[in-house]
């Protein structure tokens, strides 16, 4: 079992590494992360997970988002997801990345 204090340590480490990070959209457009927050909503079916809600600047010229990678300030990929979001002039899109924490044995 992973203790809550360890999950909090990982959460804090991720939040600090994402300062200055980016979201890589469709493997071609990189957008700086503007804000990151830990989601307060539980993730169904996943225990010992951290859900990060990420926001970035508005992106023009990307009509559909099909793939997104959350990267640290050094470019390391923290999480990625396949999605299908048609922008259709949308002003805001919030992406939630779930990071599943595995314990060693």
Protein backbone atom coordinates (compact mmCIF):
# COMPACT_ATOMS: atom_id res chain seq x y z
CA UNK A 1 0.00 0.00 0.00
CA UNK A 2 1.27 3.46 -0.88
CA UNK A 3 0.94 5.96 1.93
CA UNK A 4 -0.77 9.30 1.46
CA UNK A 5 2.38 11.17 2.48
CA UNK A 6 4.29 9.55 -0.40
CA UNK A 7 1.54 10.48 -2.88
CA UNK A 8 1.73 14.07 -1.61
CA UNK A 9 5.51 14.06 -2.13
CA UNK A 10 5.08 12.84 -5.71
CA UNK A 11 2.33 15.38 -6.34
CA UNK A 12 4.50 18.24 -5.10
CA UNK A 13 7.45 17.04 -7.18
CA UNK A 14 5.30 16.85 -10.32
CA UNK A 15 3.86 20.29 -9.74
CA UNK A 16 7.33 21.81 -9.40
CA UNK A 17 8.66 20.00 -12.50
CA UNK A 18 5.71 21.18 -14.59
CA UNK A 19 6.54 24.82 -13.85
CA UNK A 20 7.94 25.92 -17.21
CA UNK A 21 6.66 22.72 -18.85
CA UNK A 22 4.59 22.31 -21.99
CA UNK A 23 1.86 20.34 -23.69
CA UNK A 24 2.82 18.77 -27.02
CA UNK A 25 -0.30 18.65 -29.18
CA UNK A 26 -0.56 16.14 -32.03
CA UNK A 27 3.23 15.63 -31.82
CA UNK A 28 3.77 18.93 -33.61
CA UNK A 29 2.62 21.98 -31.61
CA UNK A 30 4.19 22.77 -28.26
CA UNK A 31 2.25 25.08 -25.92
CA UNK A 32 3.60 26.36 -22.59
CA UNK A 33 1.76 25.22 -19.47
CA UNK A 34 0.08 28.20 -17.82
CA UNK A 35 -1.44 26.48 -14.81
CA UNK A 36 -1.53 23.06 -13.21
CA UNK A 37 -3.72 21.89 -10.37
CA UNK A 38 -4.34 18.59 -8.68
CA UNK A 39 -7.88 17.47 -9.44
CA UNK A 40 -10.07 17.02 -6.41
CA UNK A 41 -12.22 14.45 -8.17
CA UNK A 42 -11.41 10.76 -7.63
CA UNK A 43 -10.48 8.77 -10.69
CA UNK A 44 -12.82 5.81 -11.14
CA UNK A 45 -11.10 2.44 -11.02
CA UNK A 46 -7.62 3.79 -10.32
CA UNK A 47 -6.14 3.81 -6.86
CA UNK A 48 -2.91 5.59 -5.91
CA UNK A 49 -3.27 8.02 -8.78
CA UNK A 50 -2.74 11.74 -9.13
CA UNK A 51 -5.02 13.60 -11.54
CA UNK A 52 -3.52 16.82 -12.89
CA UNK A 53 -5.68 19.43 -14.60
CA UNK A 54 -3.58 21.45 -16.99
CA UNK A 55 -4.29 24.66 -18.86
CA UNK A 56 -2.29 26.37 -21.57
CA UNK A 57 -2.64 29.29 -23.93
CA UNK A 58 -5.16 29.22 -26.74
CA UNK A 59 -3.83 27.44 -29.81
CA UNK A 60 -4.83 28.60 -33.27
CA UNK A 61 -4.50 26.46 -36.35
CA UNK A 62 -5.25 23.16 -34.58
CA UNK A 63 -8.82 22.23 -35.51
CA UNK A 64 -8.73 18.82 -33.76
CA UNK A 65 -6.61 17.58 -30.88
CA UNK A 66 -5.95 13.85 -31.19
CA UNK A 67 -2.90 13.38 -28.99
CA UNK A 68 -1.43 15.32 -26.09
CA UNK A 69 1.75 14.86 -24.06
CA UNK A 70 2.41 16.63 -20.78
CA UNK A 71 6.10 17.51 -20.53
CA UNK A 72 8.32 18.87 -17.77
CA UNK A 73 10.51 21.95 -18.18
CA UNK A 74 13.31 19.66 -19.40
CA UNK A 75 11.07 17.94 -21.98
CA UNK A 76 10.53 14.65 -20.13
CA UNK A 77 7.07 13.22 -20.82
CA UNK A 78 5.05 12.89 -17.61
CA UNK A 79 1.83 11.60 -19.16
CA UNK A 80 0.16 11.33 -22.51
CA UNK A 81 -3.32 10.69 -23.77
CA UNK A 82 -5.19 10.07 -26.97
CA UNK A 83 -8.28 12.22 -27.34
CA UNK A 84 -10.57 13.57 -30.00
CA UNK A 85 -11.41 17.18 -29.25
CA UNK A 86 -12.76 19.33 -32.06
CA UNK A 87 -11.88 22.90 -31.23
CA UNK A 88 -14.67 24.59 -33.27
CA UNK A 89 -13.69 28.00 -31.94
CA UNK A 90 -13.60 26.78 -28.34
CA UNK A 91 -12.08 29.29 -25.99
CA UNK A 92 -11.02 26.90 -23.25
CA UNK A 93 -10.18 23.23 -23.02
CA UNK A 94 -9.10 21.60 -19.78
CA UNK A 95 -7.10 18.40 -20.09
CA UNK A 96 -6.78 16.03 -17.16
CA UNK A 97 -3.78 13.73 -17.09
CA UNK A 98 -3.84 10.81 -14.66
CA UNK A 99 -0.51 9.66 -13.28
CA UNK A 100 -0.78 6.20 -11.73
CA UNK A 101 1.76 5.70 -8.93
CA UNK A 102 3.18 2.18 -8.64
CA UNK A 103 4.75 0.87 -5.47
CA UNK A 104 7.87 -1.28 -5.40
CA UNK A 105 7.95 -4.73 -3.85
